Amino acid sequence: QAMFPHHADLPADSPLQPKLARLRRHD
């Protein structure tokens, strides 16, 4: 969250959120 923050004005699960905001350990 500190490195790749979400857009605060969008839902957390929105497809418009940056992909890296959903980065997994497996990535």
mmCIF file of all heavy atoms, coordinates in Angstrom:
data_MODEL
# 
_entry.id   MODEL 
# 
loop_
_atom_site.group_PDB 
_atom_site.id 
_atom_site.type_symbol 
_atom_site.label_atom_id 
_atom_site.label_alt_id 
_atom_site.label_comp_id 
_atom_site.label_asym_id 
_atom_site.label_entity_id 
_atom_site.label_seq_id 
_atom_site.pdbx_PDB_ins_code 
_atom_site.Cartn_x 
_atom_site.Cartn_y 
_atom_site.Cartn_z 
_atom_site.occupancy 
_atom_site.B_iso_or_equiv 
_atom_site.pdbx_formal_charge 
_atom_site.auth_seq_id 
_atom_site.auth_comp_id 
_atom_site.auth_asym_id 
_atom_site.auth_atom_id 
_atom_site.pdbx_PDB_model_num 
ATOM 1   N N   . GLN A 1 1  ? 0.818   -1.200  0.000   1.00 0.00 ? 1  GLN A N   1 
ATOM 2   C CA  . GLN A 1 1  ? 0.000   0.000   0.000   1.00 0.00 ? 1  GLN A CA  1 
ATOM 3   C C   . GLN A 1 1  ? 0.858   1.259   0.000   1.00 0.00 ? 1  GLN A C   1 
ATOM 4   O O   . GLN A 1 1  ? 0.515   2.260   -0.639  1.00 0.00 ? 1  GLN A O   1 
ATOM 5   C CB  . GLN A 1 1  ? -0.936  0.004   1.221   1.00 0.00 ? 1  GLN A CB  1 
ATOM 6   C CG  . GLN A 1 1  ? -1.801  1.246   1.368   1.00 0.00 ? 1  GLN A CG  1 
ATOM 7   C CD  . GLN A 1 1  ? -2.755  1.462   0.206   1.00 0.00 ? 1  GLN A CD  1 
ATOM 8   O OE1 . GLN A 1 1  ? -3.089  0.516   -0.526  1.00 0.00 ? 1  GLN A OE1 1 
ATOM 9   N NE2 . GLN A 1 1  ? -3.190  2.697   0.013   1.00 0.00 ? 1  GLN A NE2 1 
ATOM 10  N N   . ALA A 1 2  ? 1.987   1.219   0.710   1.00 0.00 ? 2  ALA A N   1 
ATOM 11  C CA  . ALA A 1 2  ? 2.867   2.384   0.745   1.00 0.00 ? 2  ALA A CA  1 
ATOM 12  C C   . ALA A 1 2  ? 3.554   2.600   -0.600  1.00 0.00 ? 2  ALA A C   1 
ATOM 13  O O   . ALA A 1 2  ? 3.755   3.742   -1.025  1.00 0.00 ? 2  ALA A O   1 
ATOM 14  C CB  . ALA A 1 2  ? 3.906   2.210   1.846   1.00 0.00 ? 2  ALA A CB  1 
ATOM 15  N N   . MET A 1 3  ? 3.910   1.515   -1.269  1.00 0.00 ? 3  MET A N   1 
ATOM 16  C CA  . MET A 1 3  ? 4.653   1.623   -2.525  1.00 0.00 ? 3  MET A CA  1 
ATOM 17  C C   . MET A 1 3  ? 3.738   1.784   -3.732  1.00 0.00 ? 3  MET A C   1 
ATOM 18  O O   . MET A 1 3  ? 4.051   2.531   -4.665  1.00 0.00 ? 3  MET A O   1 
ATOM 19  C CB  . MET A 1 3  ? 5.530   0.382   -2.696  1.00 0.00 ? 3  MET A CB  1 
ATOM 20  C CG  . MET A 1 3  ? 6.540   0.504   -3.812  1.00 0.00 ? 3  MET A CG  1 
ATOM 21  S SD  . MET A 1 3  ? 7.728   -0.885  -3.759  1.00 0.00 ? 3  MET A SD  1 
ATOM 22  C CE  . MET A 1 3  ? 8.668   -0.551  -5.260  1.00 0.00 ? 3  MET A CE  1 
ATOM 23  N N   . PHE A 1 4  ? 2.599   1.094   -3.728  1.00 0.00 ? 4  PHE A N   1 
ATOM 24  C CA  . PHE A 1 4  ? 1.656   1.138   -4.857  1.00 0.00 ? 4  PHE A CA  1 
ATOM 25  C C   . PHE A 1 4  ? 0.260   1.435   -4.307  1.00 0.00 ? 4  PHE A C   1 
ATOM 26  O O   . PHE A 1 4  ? -0.580  0.529   -4.201  1.00 0.00 ? 4  PHE A O   1 
ATOM 27  C CB  . PHE A 1 4  ? 1.657   -0.178  -5.629  1.00 0.00 ? 4  PHE A CB  1 
ATOM 28  C CG  . PHE A 1 4  ? 3.016   -0.647  -6.046  1.00 0.00 ? 4  PHE A CG  1 
ATOM 29  C CD1 . PHE A 1 4  ? 3.581   -1.786  -5.480  1.00 0.00 ? 4  PHE A CD1 1 
ATOM 30  C CD2 . PHE A 1 4  ? 3.739   0.043   -7.000  1.00 0.00 ? 4  PHE A CD2 1 
ATOM 31  C CE1 . PHE A 1 4  ? 4.827   -2.224  -5.866  1.00 0.00 ? 4  PHE A CE1 1 
ATOM 32  C CE2 . PHE A 1 4  ? 4.989   -0.387  -7.393  1.00 0.00 ? 4  PHE A CE2 1 
ATOM 33  C CZ  . PHE A 1 4  ? 5.544   -1.518  -6.829  1.00 0.00 ? 4  PHE A CZ  1 
ATOM 34  N N   . PRO A 1 5  ? -0.032  2.670   -3.930  1.00 0.00 ? 5  PRO A N   1 
ATOM 35  C CA  . PRO A 1 5  ? -1.317  2.977   -3.281  1.00 0.00 ? 5  PRO A CA  1 
ATOM 36  C C   . PRO A 1 5  ? -2.495  2.863   -4.243  1.00 0.00 ? 5  PRO A C   1 
ATOM 37  O O   . PRO A 1 5  ? -2.360  3.043   -5.465  1.00 0.00 ? 5  PRO A O   1 
ATOM 38  C CB  . PRO A 1 5  ? -1.127  4.424   -2.799  1.00 0.00 ? 5  PRO A CB  1 
ATOM 39  C CG  . PRO A 1 5  ? -0.074  4.977   -3.703  1.00 0.00 ? 5  PRO A CG  1 
ATOM 40  C CD  . PRO A 1 5  ? 0.840   3.853   -4.044  1.00 0.00 ? 5  PRO A CD  1 
ATOM 41  N N   . HIS A 1 6  ? -3.659  2.563   -3.675  1.00 0.00 ? 6  HIS A N   1 
ATOM 42  C CA  . HIS A 1 6  ? -4.906  2.571   -4.435  1.00 0.00 ? 6  HIS A CA  1 
ATOM 43  C C   . HIS A 1 6  ? -5.324  4.011   -4.723  1.00 0.00 ? 6  HIS A C   1 
ATOM 44  O O   . HIS A 1 6  ? -4.902  4.949   -4.044  1.00 0.00 ? 6  HIS A O   1 
ATOM 45  C CB  . HIS A 1 6  ? -6.026  1.887   -3.642  1.00 0.00 ? 6  HIS A CB  1 
ATOM 46  C CG  . HIS A 1 6  ? -5.902  0.410   -3.556  1.00 0.00 ? 6  HIS A CG  1 
ATOM 47  N ND1 . HIS A 1 6  ? -5.140  -0.218  -2.598  1.00 0.00 ? 6  HIS A ND1 1 
ATOM 48  C CD2 . HIS A 1 6  ? -6.454  -0.585  -4.307  1.00 0.00 ? 6  HIS A CD2 1 
ATOM 49  C CE1 . HIS A 1 6  ? -5.227  -1.530  -2.744  1.00 0.00 ? 6  HIS A CE1 1 
ATOM 50  N NE2 . HIS A 1 6  ? -6.001  -1.780  -3.782  1.00 0.00 ? 6  HIS A NE2 1 
ATOM 51  N N   . HIS A 1 7  ? -6.177  4.165   -5.728  1.00 0.00 ? 7  HIS A N   1 
ATOM 52  C CA  . HIS A 1 7  ? -6.841  5.452   -5.938  1.00 0.00 ? 7  HIS A CA  1 
ATOM 53  C C   . HIS A 1 7  ? -7.968  5.565   -4.919  1.00 0.00 ? 7  HIS A C   1 
ATOM 54  O O   . HIS A 1 7  ? -8.888  4.736   -4.897  1.00 0.00 ? 7  HIS A O   1 
ATOM 55  C CB  . HIS A 1 7  ? -7.395  5.550   -7.355  1.00 0.00 ? 7  HIS A CB  1 
ATOM 56  C CG  . HIS A 1 7  ? -6.329  5.686   -8.412  1.00 0.00 ? 7  HIS A CG  1 
ATOM 57  N ND1 . HIS A 1 7  ? -5.350  6.658   -8.359  1.00 0.00 ? 7  HIS A ND1 1 
ATOM 58  C CD2 . HIS A 1 7  ? -6.093  4.966   -9.534  1.00 0.00 ? 7  HIS A CD2 1 
ATOM 59  C CE1 . HIS A 1 7  ? -4.554  6.533   -9.414  1.00 0.00 ? 7  HIS A CE1 1 
ATOM 60  N NE2 . HIS A 1 7  ? -4.980  5.517   -10.141 1.00 0.00 ? 7  HIS A NE2 1 
ATOM 61  N N   . ALA A 1 8  ? -7.902  6.574   -4.093  1.00 0.00 ? 8  ALA A N   1 
ATOM 62  C CA  . ALA A 1 8  ? -8.861  6.697   -2.995  1.00 0.00 ? 8  ALA A CA  1 
ATOM 63  C C   . ALA A 1 8  ? -10.290 6.907   -3.474  1.00 0.00 ? 8  ALA A C   1 
ATOM 64  O O   . ALA A 1 8  ? -11.244 6.562   -2.768  1.00 0.00 ? 8  ALA A O   1 
ATOM 65  C CB  . ALA A 1 8  ? -8.443  7.854   -2.077  1.00 0.00 ? 8  ALA A CB  1 
ATOM 66  N N   . ASP A 1 9  ? -10.463 7.461   -4.672  1.00 0.00 ? 9  ASP A N   1 
ATOM 67  C CA  . ASP A 1 9  ? -11.816 7.760   -5.156  1.00 0.00 ? 9  ASP A CA  1 
ATOM 68  C C   . ASP A 1 9  ? -12.432 6.610   -5.946  1.00 0.00 ? 9  ASP A C   1 
ATOM 69  O O   . ASP A 1 9  ? -13.492 6.766   -6.542  1.00 0.00 ? 9  ASP A O   1 
ATOM 70  C CB  . ASP A 1 9  ? -11.793 9.018   -6.018  1.00 0.00 ? 9  ASP A CB  1 
ATOM 71  C CG  . ASP A 1 9  ? -10.774 8.930   -7.149  1.00 0.00 ? 9  ASP A CG  1 
ATOM 72  O OD1 . ASP A 1 9  ? -9.898  8.047   -7.074  1.00 0.00 ? 9  ASP A OD1 1 
ATOM 73  O OD2 . ASP A 1 9  ? -10.860 9.738   -8.096  1.00 0.00 ? 9  ASP A OD2 1 
ATOM 74  N N   . LEU A 1 10 ? -11.763 5.443   -5.962  1.00 0.00 ? 10 LEU A N   1 
ATOM 75  C CA  . LEU A 1 10 ? -12.300 4.271   -6.640  1.00 0.00 ? 10 LEU A CA  1 
ATOM 76  C C   . LEU A 1 10 ? -12.466 3.122   -5.652  1.00 0.00 ? 10 LEU A C   1 
ATOM 77  O O   . LEU A 1 10 ? -11.711 3.030   -4.677  1.00 0.00 ? 10 LEU A O   1 
ATOM 78  C CB  . LEU A 1 10 ? -11.361 3.815   -7.767  1.00 0.00 ? 10 LEU A CB  1 
ATOM 79  C CG  . LEU A 1 10 ? -11.214 4.734   -8.979  1.00 0.00 ? 10 LEU A CG  1 
ATOM 80  C CD1 . LEU A 1 10 ? -10.133 4.183   -9.909  1.00 0.00 ? 10 LEU A CD1 1 
ATOM 81  C CD2 . LEU A 1 10 ? -12.528 4.863   -9.722  1.00 0.00 ? 10 LEU A CD2 1 
ATOM 82  N N   . PRO A 1 11 ? -13.443 2.232   -5.877  1.00 0.00 ? 11 PRO A N   1 
ATOM 83  C CA  . PRO A 1 11 ? -13.548 1.039   -5.017  1.00 0.00 ? 11 PRO A CA  1 
ATOM 84  C C   . PRO A 1 11 ? -12.266 0.220   -5.079  1.00 0.00 ? 11 PRO A C   1 
ATOM 85  O O   . PRO A 1 11 ? -11.572 0.196   -6.102  1.00 0.00 ? 11 PRO A O   1 
ATOM 86  C CB  . PRO A 1 11 ? -14.740 0.277   -5.611  1.00 0.00 ? 11 PRO A CB  1 
ATOM 87  C CG  . PRO A 1 11 ? -15.511 1.294   -6.379  1.00 0.00 ? 11 PRO A CG  1 
ATOM 88  C CD  . PRO A 1 11 ? -14.514 2.292   -6.882  1.00 0.00 ? 11 PRO A CD  1 
ATOM 89  N N   . ALA A 1 12 ? -11.955 -0.439  -3.980  1.00 0.00 ? 12 ALA A N   1 
ATOM 90  C CA  . ALA A 1 12 ? -10.705 -1.200  -3.914  1.00 0.00 ? 12 ALA A CA  1 
ATOM 91  C C   . ALA A 1 12 ? -10.637 -2.288  -4.972  1.00 0.00 ? 12 ALA A C   1 
ATOM 92  O O   . ALA A 1 12 ? -9.542  -2.633  -5.453  1.00 0.00 ? 12 ALA A O   1 
ATOM 93  C CB  . ALA A 1 12 ? -10.535 -1.800  -2.522  1.00 0.00 ? 12 ALA A CB  1 
ATOM 94  N N   . ASP A 1 13 ? -11.797 -2.867  -5.355  1.00 0.00 ? 13 ASP A N   1 
ATOM 95  C CA  . ASP A 1 13 ? -11.805 -3.946  -6.340  1.00 0.00 ? 13 ASP A CA  1 
ATOM 96  C C   . ASP A 1 13 ? -12.096 -3.460  -7.756  1.00 0.00 ? 13 ASP A C   1 
ATOM 97  O O   . ASP A 1 13 ? -12.357 -4.270  -8.649  1.00 0.00 ? 13 ASP A O   1 
ATOM 98  C CB  . ASP A 1 13 ? -12.827 -5.014  -5.944  1.00 0.00 ? 13 ASP A CB  1 
ATOM 99  C CG  . ASP A 1 13 ? -14.245 -4.443  -5.824  1.00 0.00 ? 13 ASP A CG  1 
ATOM 100 O OD1 . ASP A 1 13 ? -14.389 -3.197  -5.854  1.00 0.00 ? 13 ASP A OD1 1 
ATOM 101 O OD2 . ASP A 1 13 ? -15.195 -5.239  -5.689  1.00 0.00 ? 13 ASP A OD2 1 
ATOM 102 N N   . SER A 1 14 ? -12.028 -2.164  -7.979  1.00 0.00 ? 14 SER A N   1 
ATOM 103 C CA  . SER A 1 14 ? -12.310 -1.626  -9.307  1.00 0.00 ? 14 SER A CA  1 
ATOM 104 C C   . SER A 1 14 ? -11.218 -2.025  -10.288 1.00 0.00 ? 14 SER A C   1 
ATOM 105 O O   . SER A 1 14 ? -10.021 -1.973  -9.961  1.00 0.00 ? 14 SER A O   1 
ATOM 106 C CB  . SER A 1 14 ? -12.398 -0.096  -9.242  1.00 0.00 ? 14 SER A CB  1 
ATOM 107 O OG  . SER A 1 14 ? -12.442 0.458   -10.550 1.00 0.00 ? 14 SER A OG  1 
ATOM 108 N N   . PRO A 1 15 ? -11.577 -2.423  -11.526 1.00 0.00 ? 15 PRO A N   1 
ATOM 109 C CA  . PRO A 1 15 ? -10.553 -2.759  -12.528 1.00 0.00 ? 15 PRO A CA  1 
ATOM 110 C C   . PRO A 1 15 ? -9.723  -1.550  -12.947 1.00 0.00 ? 15 PRO A C   1 
ATOM 111 O O   . PRO A 1 15 ? -8.689  -1.721  -13.595 1.00 0.00 ? 15 PRO A O   1 
ATOM 112 C CB  . PRO A 1 15 ? -11.373 -3.314  -13.694 1.00 0.00 ? 15 PRO A CB  1 
ATOM 113 C CG  . PRO A 1 15 ? -12.744 -2.754  -13.509 1.00 0.00 ? 15 PRO A CG  1 
ATOM 114 C CD  . PRO A 1 15 ? -12.950 -2.627  -12.037 1.00 0.00 ? 15 PRO A CD  1 
ATOM 115 N N   . LEU A 1 16 ? -10.160 -0.347  -12.575 1.00 0.00 ? 16 LEU A N   1 
ATOM 116 C CA  . LEU A 1 16 ? -9.399  0.853   -12.899 1.00 0.00 ? 16 LEU A CA  1 
ATOM 117 C C   . LEU A 1 16 ? -8.290  1.130   -11.900 1.00 0.00 ? 16 LEU A C   1 
ATOM 118 O O   . LEU A 1 16 ? -7.462  2.022   -12.120 1.00 0.00 ? 16 LEU A O   1 
ATOM 119 C CB  . LEU A 1 16 ? -10.347 2.072   -12.966 1.00 0.00 ? 16 LEU A CB  1 
ATOM 120 C CG  . LEU A 1 16 ? -11.454 2.007   -14.031 1.00 0.00 ? 16 LEU A CG  1 
ATOM 121 C CD1 . LEU A 1 16 ? -12.327 3.247   -13.957 1.00 0.00 ? 16 LEU A CD1 1 
ATOM 122 C CD2 . LEU A 1 16 ? -10.848 1.856   -15.427 1.00 0.00 ? 16 LEU A CD2 1 
ATOM 123 N N   . GLN A 1 17 ? -8.267  0.379   -10.794 1.00 0.00 ? 17 GLN A N   1 
ATOM 124 C CA  . GLN A 1 17 ? -7.174  0.530   -9.844  1.00 0.00 ? 17 GLN A CA  1 
ATOM 125 C C   . GLN A 1 17 ? -5.864  0.073   -10.496 1.00 0.00 ? 17 GLN A C   1 
ATOM 126 O O   . GLN A 1 17 ? -5.856  -0.806  -11.362 1.00 0.00 ? 17 GLN A O   1 
ATOM 127 C CB  . GLN A 1 17 ? -7.445  -0.314  -8.592  1.00 0.00 ? 17 GLN A CB  1 
ATOM 128 C CG  . GLN A 1 17 ? -8.595  0.175   -7.719  1.00 0.00 ? 17 GLN A CG  1 
ATOM 129 C CD  . GLN A 1 17 ? -8.211  1.369   -6.876  1.00 0.00 ? 17 GLN A CD  1 
ATOM 130 O OE1 . GLN A 1 17 ? -7.120  1.915   -7.011  1.00 0.00 ? 17 GLN A OE1 1 
ATOM 131 N NE2 . GLN A 1 17 ? -9.097  1.779   -5.999  1.00 0.00 ? 17 GLN A NE2 1 
ATOM 132 N N   . PRO A 1 18 ? -4.725  0.632   -10.098 1.00 0.00 ? 18 PRO A N   1 
ATOM 133 C CA  . PRO A 1 18 ? -3.442  0.186   -10.660 1.00 0.00 ? 18 PRO A CA  1 
ATOM 134 C C   . PRO A 1 18 ? -3.222  -1.303  -10.394 1.00 0.00 ? 18 PRO A C   1 
ATOM 135 O O   . PRO A 1 18 ? -3.533  -1.806  -9.318  1.00 0.00 ? 18 PRO A O   1 
ATOM 136 C CB  . PRO A 1 18 ? -2.407  1.031   -9.907  1.00 0.00 ? 18 PRO A CB  1 
ATOM 137 C CG  . PRO A 1 18 ? -3.164  2.196   -9.371  1.00 0.00 ? 18 PRO A CG  1 
ATOM 138 C CD  . PRO A 1 18 ? -4.559  1.723   -9.117  1.00 0.00 ? 18 PRO A CD  1 
ATOM 139 N N   . LYS A 1 19 ? -2.699  -1.997  -11.396 1.00 0.00 ? 19 LYS A N   1 
ATOM 140 C CA  . LYS A 1 19 ? -2.460  -3.427  -11.230 1.00 0.00 ? 19 LYS A CA  1 
ATOM 141 C C   . LYS A 1 19 ? -1.514  -3.719  -10.067 1.00 0.00 ? 19 LYS A C   1 
ATOM 142 O O   . LYS A 1 19 ? -1.710  -4.668  -9.307  1.00 0.00 ? 19 LYS A O   1 
ATOM 143 C CB  . LYS A 1 19 ? -1.881  -4.023  -12.514 1.00 0.00 ? 19 LYS A CB  1 
ATOM 144 C CG  . LYS A 1 19 ? -2.879  -4.212  -13.630 1.00 0.00 ? 19 LYS A CG  1 
ATOM 145 C CD  . LYS A 1 19 ? -2.226  -4.921  -14.805 1.00 0.00 ? 19 LYS A CD  1 
ATOM 146 C CE  . LYS A 1 19 ? -3.221  -5.160  -15.926 1.00 0.00 ? 19 LYS A CE  1 
ATOM 147 N NZ  . LYS A 1 19 ? -2.594  -5.870  -17.071 1.00 0.00 ? 19 LYS A NZ  1 
ATOM 148 N N   . LEU A 1 20 ? -0.488  -2.890  -9.929  1.00 0.00 ? 20 LEU A N   1 
ATOM 149 C CA  . LEU A 1 20 ? 0.500   -3.136  -8.888  1.00 0.00 ? 20 LEU A CA  1 
ATOM 150 C C   . LEU A 1 20 ? -0.080  -2.964  -7.488  1.00 0.00 ? 20 LEU A C   1 
ATOM 151 O O   . LEU A 1 20 ? 0.516   -3.444  -6.519  1.00 0.00 ? 20 LEU A O   1 
ATOM 152 C CB  . LEU A 1 20 ? 1.700   -2.210  -9.075  1.00 0.00 ? 20 LEU A CB  1 
ATOM 153 C CG  . LEU A 1 20 ? 2.601   -2.549  -10.263 1.00 0.00 ? 20 LEU A CG  1 
ATOM 154 C CD1 . LEU A 1 20 ? 3.647   -1.475  -10.485 1.00 0.00 ? 20 LEU A CD1 1 
ATOM 155 C CD2 . LEU A 1 20 ? 3.260   -3.909  -10.069 1.00 0.00 ? 20 LEU A CD2 1 
ATOM 156 N N   . ALA A 1 21 ? -1.220  -2.311  -7.377  1.00 0.00 ? 21 ALA A N   1 
ATOM 157 C CA  . ALA A 1 21 ? -1.872  -2.203  -6.071  1.00 0.00 ? 21 ALA A CA  1 
ATOM 158 C C   . ALA A 1 21 ? -2.422  -3.543  -5.613  1.00 0.00 ? 21 ALA A C   1 
ATOM 159 O O   . ALA A 1 21 ? -2.772  -3.704  -4.434  1.00 0.00 ? 21 ALA A O   1 
ATOM 160 C CB  . ALA A 1 21 ? -3.004  -1.174  -6.114  1.00 0.00 ? 21 ALA A CB  1 
ATOM 161 N N   . ARG A 1 22 ? -2.492  -4.511  -6.543  1.00 0.00 ? 22 ARG A N   1 
ATOM 162 C CA  . ARG A 1 22 ? -2.948  -5.863  -6.209  1.00 0.00 ? 22 ARG A CA  1 
ATOM 163 C C   . ARG A 1 22 ? -1.803  -6.875  -6.332  1.00 0.00 ? 22 ARG A C   1 
ATOM 164 O O   . ARG A 1 22 ? -2.038  -8.078  -6.475  1.00 0.00 ? 22 ARG A O   1 
ATOM 165 C CB  . ARG A 1 22 ? -4.107  -6.277  -7.119  1.00 0.00 ? 22 ARG A CB  1 
ATOM 166 C CG  . ARG A 1 22 ? -5.338  -5.407  -6.997  1.00 0.00 ? 22 ARG A CG  1 
ATOM 167 C CD  . ARG A 1 22 ? -6.510  -5.981  -7.769  1.00 0.00 ? 22 ARG A CD  1 
ATOM 168 N NE  . ARG A 1 22 ? -6.268  -5.994  -9.206  1.00 0.00 ? 22 ARG A NE  1 
ATOM 169 C CZ  . ARG A 1 22 ? -6.545  -4.986  -10.022 1.00 0.00 ? 22 ARG A CZ  1 
ATOM 170 N NH1 . ARG A 1 22 ? -7.047  -3.865  -9.543  1.00 0.00 ? 22 ARG A NH1 1 
ATOM 171 N NH2 . ARG A 1 22 ? -6.316  -5.079  -11.319 1.00 0.00 ? 22 ARG A NH2 1 
ATOM 172 N N   . LEU A 1 23 ? -0.581  -6.402  -6.284  1.00 0.00 ? 23 LEU A N   1 
ATOM 173 C CA  . LEU A 1 23 ? 0.577   -7.272  -6.417  1.00 0.00 ? 23 LEU A CA  1 
ATOM 174 C C   . LEU A 1 23 ? 0.549   -8.385  -5.372  1.00 0.00 ? 23 LEU A C   1 
ATOM 175 O O   . LEU A 1 23 ? 0.320   -8.137  -4.189  1.00 0.00 ? 23 LEU A O   1 
ATOM 176 C CB  . LEU A 1 23 ? 1.865   -6.449  -6.250  1.00 0.00 ? 23 LEU A CB  1 
ATOM 177 C CG  . LEU A 1 23 ? 3.183   -7.199  -6.426  1.00 0.00 ? 23 LEU A CG  1 
ATOM 178 C CD1 . LEU A 1 23 ? 3.436   -7.482  -7.904  1.00 0.00 ? 23 LEU A CD1 1 
ATOM 179 C CD2 . LEU A 1 23 ? 4.332   -6.387  -5.836  1.00 0.00 ? 23 LEU A CD2 1 
ATOM 180 N N   . ARG A 1 24 ? 0.772   -9.632  -5.818  1.00 0.00 ? 24 ARG A N   1 
ATOM 181 C CA  . ARG A 1 24 ? 0.797   -10.778 -4.913  1.00 0.00 ? 24 ARG A CA  1 
ATOM 182 C C   . ARG A 1 24 ? 2.237   -11.191 -4.633  1.00 0.00 ? 24 ARG A C   1 
ATOM 183 O O   . ARG A 1 24 ? 3.149   -10.889 -5.392  1.00 0.00 ? 24 ARG A O   1 
ATOM 184 C CB  . ARG A 1 24 ? 0.055   -11.973 -5.532  1.00 0.00 ? 24 ARG A CB  1 
ATOM 185 C CG  . ARG A 1 24 ? -1.359  -11.689 -6.013  1.00 0.00 ? 24 ARG A CG  1 
ATOM 186 C CD  . ARG A 1 24 ? -1.845  -12.855 -6.860  1.00 0.00 ? 24 ARG A CD  1 
ATOM 187 N NE  . ARG A 1 24 ? -0.929  -13.104 -7.976  1.00 0.00 ? 24 ARG A NE  1 
ATOM 188 C CZ  . ARG A 1 24 ? -0.864  -14.246 -8.654  1.00 0.00 ? 24 ARG A CZ  1 
ATOM 189 N NH1 . ARG A 1 24 ? -1.645  -15.262 -8.313  1.00 0.00 ? 24 ARG A NH1 1 
ATOM 190 N NH2 . ARG A 1 24 ? -0.014  -14.393 -9.654  1.00 0.00 ? 24 ARG A NH2 1 
ATOM 191 N N   . ARG A 1 25 ? 2.408   -11.910 -3.550  1.00 0.00 ? 25 ARG A N   1 
ATOM 192 C CA  . ARG A 1 25 ? 3.735   -12.458 -3.270  1.00 0.00 ? 25 ARG A CA  1 
ATOM 193 C C   . ARG A 1 25 ? 4.174   -13.398 -4.387  1.00 0.00 ? 25 ARG A C   1 
ATOM 194 O O   . ARG A 1 25 ? 5.347   -13.462 -4.740  1.00 0.00 ? 25 ARG A O   1 
ATOM 195 C CB  . ARG A 1 25 ? 3.732   -13.200 -1.927  1.00 0.00 ? 25 ARG A CB  1 
ATOM 196 C CG  . ARG A 1 25 ? 3.456   -12.321 -0.722  1.00 0.00 ? 25 ARG A CG  1 
ATOM 197 C CD  . ARG A 1 25 ? 3.031   -13.132 0.471   1.00 0.00 ? 25 ARG A CD  1 
ATOM 198 N NE  . ARG A 1 25 ? 1.889   -13.985 0.169   1.00 0.00 ? 25 ARG A NE  1 
ATOM 199 C CZ  . ARG A 1 25 ? 1.280   -14.753 1.054   1.00 0.00 ? 25 ARG A CZ  1 
ATOM 200 N NH1 . ARG A 1 25 ? 1.706   -14.792 2.301   1.00 0.00 ? 25 ARG A NH1 1 
ATOM 201 N NH2 . ARG A 1 25 ? 0.249   -15.502 0.715   1.00 0.00 ? 25 ARG A NH2 1 
ATOM 202 N N   . HIS A 1 26 ? 3.226   -14.134 -4.960  1.00 0.00 ? 26 HIS A N   1 
ATOM 203 C CA  . HIS A 1 26 ? 3.554   -15.084 -6.030  1.00 0.00 ? 26 HIS A CA  1 
ATOM 204 C C   . HIS A 1 26 ? 4.078   -14.369 -7.268  1.00 0.00 ? 26 HIS A C   1 
ATOM 205 O O   . HIS A 1 26 ? 4.798   -14.973 -8.073  1.00 0.00 ? 26 HIS A O   1 
ATOM 206 C CB  . HIS A 1 26 ? 2.318   -15.911 -6.385  1.00 0.00 ? 26 HIS A CB  1 
ATOM 207 C CG  . HIS A 1 26 ? 2.612   -17.127 -7.205  1.00 0.00 ? 26 HIS A CG  1 
ATOM 208 N ND1 . HIS A 1 26 ? 3.042   -18.322 -6.665  1.00 0.00 ? 26 HIS A ND1 1 
ATOM 209 C CD2 . HIS A 1 26 ? 2.567   -17.329 -8.555  1.00 0.00 ? 26 HIS A CD2 1 
ATOM 210 C CE1 . HIS A 1 26 ? 3.231   -19.208 -7.627  1.00 0.00 ? 26 HIS A CE1 1 
ATOM 211 N NE2 . HIS A 1 26 ? 2.953   -18.629 -8.784  1.00 0.00 ? 26 HIS A NE2 1 
ATOM 212 N N   . ASP A 1 27 ? 3.739   -13.092 -7.441  1.00 0.00 ? 27 ASP A N   1 
ATOM 213 C CA  . ASP A 1 27 ? 4.233   -12.355 -8.598  1.00 0.00 ? 27 ASP A CA  1 
ATOM 214 C C   . ASP A 1 27 ? 5.744   -12.149 -8.538  1.00 0.00 ? 27 ASP A C   1 
ATOM 215 O O   . ASP A 1 27 ? 6.375   -11.897 -9.572  1.00 0.00 ? 27 ASP A O   1 
ATOM 216 C CB  . ASP A 1 27 ? 3.520   -11.004 -8.709  1.00 0.00 ? 27 ASP A CB  1 
ATOM 217 C CG  . ASP A 1 27 ? 2.054   -11.157 -9.090  1.00 0.00 ? 27 ASP A CG  1 
ATOM 218 O OD1 . ASP A 1 27 ? 1.764   -11.995 -9.968  1.00 0.00 ? 27 ASP A OD1 1 
ATOM 219 O OD2 . ASP A 1 27 ? 1.202   -10.461 -8.513  1.00 0.00 ? 27 ASP A OD2 1 
# 
